[in-house]
Amino acid sequence: MPDPQNCDLAASHCVPCKGGSVPMAAPEARKLLAALPGWELAPGAASISRRFTFKNFKQSLAFVNKVGEIAEKEGHHPDITFGWGYTETLLTTHAIKGLHQNDFIMASKISALENS
């Protein structure tokens, strides 16, 4: 598990989960979450999520499309809800029914879109 103090999550890449992978425990998830302002840990540490706001629907849609491009490149896909002026992004690793390092890598890459 990467140390959030010594790891650039946005520079990392998602790797496929191997059979038998165990979901990340809440204390580990909280450590990685510390490097991701605005993201929230769900009760039971099964997922992380964040709401992004925009000036209009067009900007929300453009953001969703950028997230989709990253998700395809990384092979790790978030659940996204969007509408006029917002997107809500939820990350979990369905194969293990919980969090994996990939979720935090994707969260970091998605957060980086705010500054691009």
Protein backbone atom coordinates (compact mmCIF):
# COMPACT_ATOMS: atom_id res chain seq x y z
CA MET A 1 0.00 0.00 0.00
CA PRO A 2 1.51 3.36 -0.95
CA ASP A 3 2.32 5.91 1.72
CA PRO A 4 0.34 9.08 0.88
CA GLN A 5 3.30 11.18 2.01
CA ASN A 6 5.64 9.51 -0.51
CA CYS A 7 3.33 8.68 -3.41
CA ASP A 8 1.90 10.74 -6.24
CA LEU A 9 -1.38 8.96 -6.82
CA ALA A 10 -2.09 10.93 -10.01
CA ALA A 11 1.18 9.66 -11.53
CA SER A 12 0.33 6.04 -10.69
CA HIS A 13 -1.70 3.71 -12.89
CA CYS A 14 -4.48 1.30 -12.06
CA VAL A 15 -3.65 -2.39 -12.07
CA PRO A 16 -6.23 -5.17 -12.37
CA CYS A 17 -7.29 -6.74 -9.07
CA LYS A 18 -6.14 -10.30 -8.66
CA GLY A 19 -8.49 -13.00 -7.44
CA GLY A 20 -8.66 -13.07 -3.69
CA SER A 21 -7.84 -9.38 -3.22
CA VAL A 22 -9.14 -8.05 0.06
CA PRO A 23 -10.88 -4.66 0.26
CA MET A 24 -8.89 -1.91 1.90
CA ALA A 25 -9.51 -1.41 5.62
CA ALA A 26 -10.90 1.92 6.80
CA PRO A 27 -7.66 3.12 8.47
CA GLU A 28 -5.70 2.60 5.23
CA ALA A 29 -8.45 4.31 3.23
CA ARG A 30 -8.42 7.33 5.57
CA LYS A 31 -4.63 7.68 5.11
CA LEU A 32 -4.95 7.79 1.32
CA LEU A 33 -8.02 10.00 1.50
CA ALA A 34 -5.96 12.61 3.35
CA ALA A 35 -4.23 13.33 0.02
CA LEU A 36 -7.59 13.87 -1.74
CA PRO A 37 -9.36 17.03 -0.54
CA GLY A 38 -13.11 16.99 -1.10
CA TRP A 39 -13.46 13.21 -1.34
CA GLU A 40 -15.52 11.46 1.33
CA LEU A 41 -15.30 7.94 2.68
CA ALA A 42 -18.61 6.06 2.83
CA PRO A 43 -19.69 4.35 6.04
CA GLY A 44 -18.06 0.94 6.17
CA ALA A 45 -15.25 2.20 3.87
CA ALA A 46 -16.87 0.56 0.82
CA SER A 47 -16.49 3.58 -1.48
CA ILE A 48 -15.32 7.17 -1.84
CA SER A 49 -17.25 9.97 -3.50
CA ARG A 50 -17.10 13.62 -4.40
CA ARG A 51 -19.42 16.26 -5.80
CA PHE A 52 -18.04 18.71 -8.35
CA THR A 53 -19.89 21.90 -9.28
CA PHE A 54 -19.91 23.82 -12.55
CA LYS A 55 -21.51 26.91 -14.06
CA ASN A 56 -23.81 25.02 -16.42
CA PHE A 57 -24.80 21.70 -17.98
CA LYS A 58 -22.25 21.95 -20.79
CA GLN A 59 -19.35 22.15 -18.31
CA SER A 60 -20.75 19.22 -16.31
CA LEU A 61 -21.00 17.10 -19.45
CA ALA A 62 -17.49 18.06 -20.57
CA PHE A 63 -16.14 17.02 -17.16
CA VAL A 64 -17.96 13.67 -17.34
CA ASN A 65 -16.47 13.05 -20.78
CA LYS A 66 -12.96 13.80 -19.49
CA VAL A 67 -13.49 11.43 -16.56
CA GLY A 68 -14.69 8.80 -19.04
CA GLU A 69 -11.50 9.14 -21.09
CA ILE A 70 -9.37 8.62 -17.99
CA ALA A 71 -11.49 5.67 -16.87
CA GLU A 72 -11.08 3.95 -20.22
CA LYS A 73 -7.33 4.55 -20.21
CA GLU A 74 -6.97 3.21 -16.67
CA GLY A 75 -9.49 0.38 -17.02
CA HIS A 76 -11.22 1.48 -13.81
CA HIS A 77 -14.68 3.01 -14.09
CA PRO A 78 -16.50 5.24 -11.59
CA ASP A 79 -20.22 5.61 -11.15
CA ILE A 80 -21.14 9.14 -12.26
CA THR A 81 -24.35 11.09 -11.83
CA PHE A 82 -24.58 14.50 -13.44
CA GLY A 83 -26.94 17.30 -14.30
CA TRP A 84 -27.07 21.04 -14.67
CA GLY A 85 -24.06 22.42 -12.80
CA TYR A 86 -22.85 19.30 -11.00
CA THR A 87 -21.39 15.82 -11.15
CA GLU A 88 -21.28 13.24 -8.39
CA THR A 89 -18.56 10.65 -8.73
CA LEU A 90 -18.42 7.42 -6.73
CA LEU A 91 -15.49 5.03 -6.77
CA THR A 92 -15.45 1.46 -5.52
CA THR A 93 -13.97 -1.77 -6.81
CA HIS A 94 -16.99 -3.92 -7.56
CA ALA A 95 -14.93 -7.12 -7.95
CA ILE A 96 -13.90 -6.98 -4.28
CA LYS A 97 -16.97 -5.11 -2.99
CA GLY A 98 -14.85 -2.38 -1.46
CA LEU A 99 -11.93 -0.05 -1.92
CA HIS A 100 -8.66 -0.76 -3.68
CA GLN A 101 -5.66 1.46 -4.39
CA ASN A 102 -7.10 1.93 -7.91
CA ASP A 103 -10.01 3.91 -6.49
CA PHE A 104 -7.63 6.43 -4.96
CA ILE A 105 -5.54 6.63 -8.13
CA MET A 106 -8.69 7.41 -10.12
CA ALA A 107 -9.86 9.95 -7.52
CA SER A 108 -6.52 11.75 -7.78
CA LYS A 109 -6.66 11.81 -11.57
CA ILE A 110 -10.25 13.06 -11.51
CA SER A 111 -9.38 15.79 -9.00
CA ALA A 112 -6.51 16.91 -11.24
CA LEU A 113 -9.07 17.76 -13.95
CA GLU A 114 -10.20 20.73 -11.85
CA ASN A 115 -6.88 22.44 -12.53
CA SER A 116 -6.66 21.62 -16.22
